[in-house]
Protein backbone atom coordinates (compact mmCIF):
# COMPACT_ATOMS: atom_id res chain seq x y z
CA UNK A 1 164.38 125.56 122.12
CA UNK A 2 163.92 121.88 121.55
CA UNK A 3 161.29 120.96 119.10
CA UNK A 4 159.37 117.69 118.99
CA UNK A 5 160.11 115.45 116.09
CA UNK A 6 157.53 115.97 113.34
CA UNK A 7 155.54 112.93 112.25
CA UNK A 8 157.11 111.55 109.06
CA UNK A 9 154.91 111.79 105.97
CA UNK A 10 154.95 108.00 105.61
CA UNK A 11 153.60 107.63 109.14
CA UNK A 12 150.75 110.06 108.29
CA UNK A 13 149.91 107.97 105.23
CA UNK A 14 149.92 104.78 107.28
CA UNK A 15 147.63 106.38 109.88
CA UNK A 16 145.24 107.55 107.16
CA UNK A 17 145.20 104.07 105.61
CA UNK A 18 144.47 102.45 108.96
CA UNK A 19 141.71 105.00 109.64
CA UNK A 20 140.18 104.44 106.19
CA UNK A 21 140.33 100.67 106.60
CA UNK A 22 138.70 100.93 110.02
CA UNK A 23 135.96 103.16 108.61
CA UNK A 24 135.33 100.72 105.77
CA UNK A 25 135.12 97.81 108.19
CA UNK A 26 132.53 99.71 110.23
CA UNK A 27 130.53 100.32 107.03
CA UNK A 28 130.45 96.60 106.34
CA UNK A 29 129.40 95.69 109.88
CA UNK A 30 126.99 98.55 110.61
CA UNK A 31 123.43 97.37 109.91
CA UNK A 32 122.43 100.94 109.02
CA UNK A 33 125.03 101.10 106.23
CA UNK A 34 123.87 100.51 102.63
CA UNK A 35 126.91 98.21 102.23
CA UNK A 36 125.74 95.89 105.01
CA UNK A 37 124.49 92.44 103.98
CA UNK A 38 122.80 90.24 106.57
CA UNK A 39 122.84 86.45 106.64
CA UNK A 40 119.41 86.47 105.02
CA UNK A 41 120.58 88.52 102.04
CA UNK A 42 121.41 86.06 99.31
CA UNK A 43 121.24 86.10 95.49
CA UNK A 44 118.25 83.73 95.45
CA UNK A 45 116.02 86.06 97.46
CA UNK A 46 112.69 87.05 95.88
CA UNK A 47 111.59 90.49 97.07
CA UNK A 48 108.15 90.74 95.43
CA UNK A 49 105.24 88.34 95.10
CA UNK A 50 104.39 89.11 91.47
CA UNK A 51 107.20 89.18 88.86
CA UNK A 52 107.44 91.86 86.20
CA UNK A 53 105.71 90.79 83.01
CA UNK A 54 105.70 94.20 81.32
CA UNK A 55 102.11 95.34 81.66
CA UNK A 56 102.34 95.41 85.46
CA UNK A 57 105.40 97.68 85.54
CA UNK A 58 103.84 100.46 87.63
CA UNK A 59 102.77 98.23 90.50
CA UNK A 60 105.94 96.10 90.23
CA UNK A 61 108.27 99.10 90.42
CA UNK A 62 106.45 100.42 93.47
CA UNK A 63 106.71 97.04 95.21
CA UNK A 64 110.42 96.76 94.34
CA UNK A 65 111.11 100.30 95.52
CA UNK A 66 109.54 99.56 98.90
CA UNK A 67 111.42 96.25 99.21
CA UNK A 68 114.79 97.81 98.34
CA UNK A 69 114.11 100.69 100.73
CA UNK A 70 113.49 98.15 103.49
CA UNK A 71 116.78 96.44 102.54
CA UNK A 72 118.55 99.84 102.58
CA UNK A 73 119.64 99.29 98.97
CA UNK A 74 117.55 101.91 97.16
CA UNK A 75 120.69 103.94 96.48
CA UNK A 76 121.93 101.29 94.05
CA UNK A 77 118.99 101.87 91.67
CA UNK A 78 118.60 105.66 92.00
CA UNK A 79 122.37 106.29 91.70
CA UNK A 80 122.68 108.04 95.08
CA UNK A 81 125.39 105.46 95.85
CA UNK A 82 127.67 105.76 92.80
CA UNK A 83 130.43 103.26 92.11
CA UNK A 84 133.64 104.32 93.90
CA UNK A 85 136.98 104.19 92.08
CA UNK A 86 138.81 100.83 92.14
CA UNK A 87 141.42 102.12 94.59
CA UNK A 88 138.73 102.98 97.15
CA UNK A 89 138.43 100.45 99.98
CA UNK A 90 134.64 100.46 99.54
CA UNK A 91 134.92 99.42 95.90
CA UNK A 92 134.69 95.70 96.69
CA UNK A 93 131.68 96.23 98.96
CA UNK A 94 129.94 98.27 96.27
CA UNK A 95 130.54 95.58 93.64
CA UNK A 96 129.18 92.93 96.00
CA UNK A 97 126.03 94.91 96.86
CA UNK A 98 125.45 95.94 93.24
CA UNK A 99 125.61 92.27 92.20
CA UNK A 100 123.21 91.34 94.99
CA UNK A 101 120.66 93.96 93.90
CA UNK A 102 120.98 92.83 90.27
CA UNK A 103 120.25 89.25 91.40
CA UNK A 104 117.16 90.42 93.28
CA UNK A 105 115.89 92.28 90.22
CA UNK A 106 116.50 89.27 87.96
CA UNK A 107 114.58 87.09 90.42
CA UNK A 108 111.61 89.46 90.22
CA UNK A 109 111.09 89.49 86.44
CA UNK A 110 109.89 86.79 84.04
CA UNK A 111 112.61 84.78 82.28
CA UNK A 112 112.20 86.51 78.92
CA UNK A 113 112.85 89.92 80.48
CA UNK A 114 115.62 88.59 82.72
CA UNK A 115 117.55 87.17 79.77
CA UNK A 116 117.69 90.65 78.20
CA UNK A 117 119.26 92.13 81.35
CA UNK A 118 122.10 89.68 81.97
CA UNK A 119 124.88 91.79 80.44
CA UNK A 120 123.92 95.17 81.91
CA UNK A 121 126.63 95.86 84.53
CA UNK A 122 124.87 97.94 87.19
CA UNK A 123 121.55 97.80 89.01
CA UNK A 124 120.98 101.46 88.16
CA UNK A 125 121.33 100.84 84.41
CA UNK A 126 118.97 97.85 84.65
CA UNK A 127 116.41 99.94 86.52
CA UNK A 128 116.56 102.70 83.88
CA UNK A 129 116.32 100.14 81.05
CA UNK A 130 113.17 98.63 82.55
CA UNK A 131 111.63 102.04 83.12
CA UNK A 132 112.32 103.13 79.55
CA UNK A 133 110.82 99.91 78.17
CA UNK A 134 107.73 99.43 80.30
CA UNK A 135 106.79 102.66 82.07
CA UNK A 136 103.48 104.00 80.85
CA UNK A 137 102.69 107.70 80.85
CA UNK A 138 99.90 108.69 83.19
CA UNK A 139 97.09 109.27 80.67
CA UNK A 140 97.01 105.78 79.05
CA UNK A 141 97.24 104.01 82.39
CA UNK A 142 94.56 106.22 83.99
CA UNK A 143 92.33 105.43 81.00
CA UNK A 144 92.97 101.69 81.46
CA UNK A 145 92.21 101.81 85.19
CA UNK A 146 88.96 103.73 84.70
CA UNK A 147 87.91 101.37 81.94
CA UNK A 148 88.58 98.38 84.21
CA UNK A 149 86.63 100.03 87.03
CA UNK A 150 83.70 100.70 84.73
CA UNK A 151 83.53 97.07 83.62
CA UNK A 152 84.18 95.37 86.95
CA UNK A 153 81.25 93.45 88.46
CA UNK A 154 80.99 90.97 91.28
CA UNK A 155 79.79 88.08 89.14
CA UNK A 156 80.97 84.78 90.62
CA UNK A 157 83.32 86.44 93.12
CA UNK A 158 82.46 86.70 96.78
CA UNK A 159 82.15 90.23 98.19
CA UNK A 160 85.64 90.23 99.69
CA UNK A 161 87.37 89.27 96.42
CA UNK A 162 85.29 91.79 94.47
CA UNK A 163 86.09 94.61 96.91
CA UNK A 164 89.79 93.70 96.88
CA UNK A 165 89.98 94.02 93.10
CA UNK A 166 88.27 97.39 93.26
CA UNK A 167 90.59 98.63 96.00
CA UNK A 168 93.72 97.67 94.04
CA UNK A 169 92.51 99.80 91.12
CA UNK A 170 91.43 102.67 93.39
CA UNK A 171 94.82 102.75 95.11
CA UNK A 172 96.71 102.75 91.81
CA UNK A 173 94.48 105.49 90.41
CA UNK A 174 95.00 107.54 93.57
CA UNK A 175 98.77 107.21 93.13
CA UNK A 176 98.50 109.12 89.83
CA UNK A 177 96.63 112.01 91.41
CA UNK A 178 98.61 115.13 92.38
CA UNK A 179 99.12 115.69 96.09
CA UNK A 180 97.18 118.70 97.26
CA UNK A 181 98.59 121.05 99.89
CA UNK A 182 95.27 122.80 100.43
CA UNK A 183 94.18 123.04 104.06
CA UNK A 184 90.85 124.73 103.36
CA UNK A 185 87.38 123.20 103.52
CA UNK A 186 87.37 122.34 99.82
CA UNK A 187 89.91 119.57 100.44
CA UNK A 188 87.49 117.89 102.83
CA UNK A 189 84.76 118.14 100.21
CA UNK A 190 87.05 116.57 97.60
CA UNK A 191 87.87 113.62 99.88
CA UNK A 192 84.17 113.16 100.58
CA UNK A 193 83.43 113.19 96.85
CA UNK A 194 86.11 110.57 96.17
CA UNK A 195 84.66 108.34 98.90
CA UNK A 196 81.20 108.70 97.38
CA UNK A 197 82.58 107.72 93.95
CA UNK A 198 84.11 104.56 95.42
CA UNK A 199 80.86 103.71 97.20
CA UNK A 200 78.86 104.12 93.99
CA UNK A 201 81.27 101.96 91.98
CA UNK A 202 81.19 99.26 94.65
CA UNK A 203 77.38 99.23 94.85
CA UNK A 204 76.87 99.32 91.08
CA UNK A 205 79.02 96.24 90.61
CA UNK A 206 77.28 94.15 93.28
CA UNK A 207 75.03 91.32 92.13
CA UNK A 208 71.28 92.00 92.06
CA UNK A 209 70.83 89.73 95.07
CA UNK A 210 72.13 92.65 97.13
CA UNK A 211 69.53 95.08 95.76
CA UNK A 212 67.79 95.50 99.12
CA UNK A 213 70.91 96.26 101.15
CA UNK A 214 72.11 98.53 98.32
CA UNK A 215 68.88 100.55 98.53
CA UNK A 216 69.30 100.90 102.29
CA UNK A 217 72.88 102.13 101.92
CA UNK A 218 71.89 104.70 99.29
CA UNK A 219 69.40 106.19 101.76
CA UNK A 220 72.15 106.91 104.27
CA UNK A 221 73.06 110.59 104.67
CA UNK A 222 75.91 111.40 104.86
CA UNK A 223 77.44 108.54 102.91
CA UNK A 224 79.57 106.38 105.25
CA UNK A 225 83.22 105.63 104.38
CA UNK A 226 83.70 102.88 101.80
CA UNK A 227 85.30 100.64 104.44
CA UNK A 228 82.09 100.84 106.50
CA UNK A 229 79.97 100.10 103.43
CA UNK A 230 82.08 97.02 102.75
CA UNK A 231 81.57 95.82 106.34
CA UNK A 232 77.79 96.22 106.01
CA UNK A 233 77.68 94.20 102.78
CA UNK A 234 80.05 91.50 104.03
CA UNK A 235 77.84 91.02 107.12
CA UNK A 236 74.84 90.66 104.82
CA UNK A 237 76.73 87.99 102.84
CA UNK A 238 77.60 86.04 105.99
CA UNK A 239 74.01 86.01 107.20
CA UNK A 240 72.87 84.26 104.03
């Protein structure tokens, strides 16, 4: 019985190489691939509005994480996209993307910090270095936030600017709180209590010229959401 000629081993290797090259090319061109770089992705890009100075590490790292997630490059700082071996066809693409992410990080920190990062070879190692240097444990930062909240007053700010400062601190403080999985009624009570705390802080910090509207709000039962309270006060400000 005649048998078909088997495919030579060299031919199999060539087919595998062609297949691998084709797969790599798709990775470069596919916009959903972490190795894809668009025309707008360049080393001079600034991903966050406020650079890292050290004390603002927590908010900076959150902003950078969101920006890199949007760019589909988060894997280069959390090590879920490790460096392939030099013989891998994706090696060049990884080096290019790693260098791009490093450039973005350097653009988002002050010069003094950036100078100390120049010789760290990977974005992941840079990310870990910054975390080790500037990350604050929960307790000191929570203490700082609550101290800032306790001392924050409207003063010369308009109502909108005052409320915005409060909300930034509230949101950061909330980020430190554990996520509850409770579906019972007590969770609703806890959310209501948190809203009441925000309302009280907001009202206590208002200037005395708002004493009348503050008294009216305190008489409301149940206490409206803080966003509604802000709307009431901002309308009062506009009528003046």
